[in-house]
Amino acid sequence: MKPLLSLLFVLVLLASLSAQTQNPNYDSTLAKKLGADEMGMKSYILVILKTGPNDVTDKAFRDSCFKSHFSNMKKMSDEGKLVVAGPLGK
């Protein structure tokens, strides 16, 4: 029984190694330019903020917060770091 399990293990190992072949269309220069990893993949971050109760009554403070928020979104958009911004609805 042990030789059969060993053979099965070797076959599965060989099959998994052969399945991990390099993509013939992979362009390492383009991947590096786009900030991708060695597999050509790039990470993205999705942030969803849920609105909660807001007790702020100081209009000047609230306006300054929104001004900073929109300024940061513009900066990230100009840098190519922001793809979509909301609100997305209820």
Protein backbone atom coordinates (compact mmCIF):
# COMPACT_ATOMS: atom_id res chain seq x y z
CA MET A 1 0.00 0.00 0.00
CA LYS A 2 2.87 2.41 0.78
CA PRO A 3 4.41 2.18 -2.72
CA LEU A 4 1.01 2.97 -4.24
CA LEU A 5 0.57 6.04 -2.03
CA SER A 6 4.11 7.17 -2.84
CA LEU A 7 3.45 6.78 -6.57
CA LEU A 8 0.18 8.68 -6.26
CA PHE A 9 1.94 11.48 -4.37
CA VAL A 10 4.65 11.76 -7.04
CA LEU A 11 2.04 11.85 -9.82
CA VAL A 12 0.06 14.60 -8.08
CA LEU A 13 3.26 16.56 -7.46
CA LEU A 14 4.33 16.27 -11.11
CA ALA A 15 0.86 17.28 -12.31
CA SER A 16 0.85 20.37 -10.10
CA LEU A 17 4.33 21.39 -11.27
CA SER A 18 3.46 21.02 -14.92
CA ALA A 19 0.27 23.07 -14.42
CA GLN A 20 2.34 26.07 -13.31
CA THR A 21 3.81 26.96 -16.69
CA GLN A 22 4.76 30.49 -17.71
CA ASN A 23 2.22 32.41 -19.77
CA PRO A 24 3.72 32.90 -23.26
CA ASN A 25 2.03 36.33 -23.46
CA TYR A 26 3.55 37.55 -20.18
CA ASP A 27 5.41 40.84 -20.64
CA SER A 28 7.70 41.47 -17.67
CA THR A 29 8.47 45.04 -18.79
CA LEU A 30 4.78 45.93 -18.96
CA ALA A 31 4.11 44.20 -15.63
CA LYS A 32 6.87 46.21 -13.96
CA LYS A 33 5.61 49.44 -15.55
CA LEU A 34 2.09 48.79 -14.23
CA GLY A 35 3.32 47.82 -10.76
CA ALA A 36 2.40 44.15 -11.10
CA ASP A 37 4.11 41.31 -9.28
CA GLU A 38 6.21 38.52 -10.84
CA MET A 39 3.02 36.72 -11.90
CA GLY A 40 1.66 39.83 -13.64
CA MET A 41 -0.93 40.44 -10.91
CA LYS A 42 -1.64 43.79 -9.29
CA SER A 43 -3.33 44.33 -5.93
CA TYR A 44 -6.27 46.66 -5.49
CA ILE A 45 -7.92 47.94 -2.35
CA LEU A 46 -11.68 48.41 -2.09
CA VAL A 47 -12.95 50.58 0.74
CA ILE A 48 -16.64 50.92 1.52
CA LEU A 49 -17.57 53.37 4.24
CA LYS A 50 -20.92 53.04 5.97
CA THR A 51 -22.62 56.25 7.01
CA GLY A 52 -23.43 56.48 10.68
CA PRO A 53 -24.87 59.08 13.01
CA ASN A 54 -23.21 62.47 12.88
CA ASP A 55 -23.49 64.85 15.82
CA VAL A 56 -21.21 67.55 14.37
CA THR A 57 -23.03 70.88 14.39
CA ASP A 58 -20.02 73.10 13.62
CA LYS A 59 -20.56 73.90 9.92
CA ALA A 60 -17.06 75.35 9.45
CA PHE A 61 -15.46 72.17 10.85
CA ARG A 62 -17.66 69.92 8.70
CA ASP A 63 -16.89 72.00 5.59
CA SER A 64 -13.14 71.81 6.28
CA CYS A 65 -13.40 68.00 6.63
CA PHE A 66 -15.19 67.68 3.29
CA LYS A 67 -12.72 70.07 1.64
CA SER A 68 -9.81 67.93 2.84
CA HIS A 69 -11.62 64.74 1.79
CA PHE A 70 -12.28 65.97 -1.76
CA SER A 71 -8.75 67.39 -2.01
CA ASN A 72 -7.33 63.97 -1.09
CA MET A 73 -9.58 62.23 -3.64
CA LYS A 74 -8.38 64.63 -6.37
CA LYS A 75 -4.75 64.02 -5.41
CA MET A 76 -5.22 60.22 -5.52
CA SER A 77 -7.03 60.50 -8.85
CA ASP A 78 -4.24 62.64 -10.33
CA GLU A 79 -1.71 60.02 -9.16
CA GLY A 80 -3.73 57.21 -10.76
CA LYS A 81 -4.44 55.65 -7.36
CA LEU A 82 -8.19 56.29 -7.33
CA VAL A 83 -10.39 54.63 -9.91
CA VAL A 84 -13.93 55.08 -8.54
CA ALA A 85 -15.41 57.35 -5.89
CA GLY A 86 -18.96 57.46 -4.55
CA PRO A 87 -21.53 57.93 -3.16
CA LEU A 88 -22.88 54.69 -4.50
CA GLY A 89 -26.46 55.02 -3.28
CA LYS A 90 -28.35 53.45 -0.42
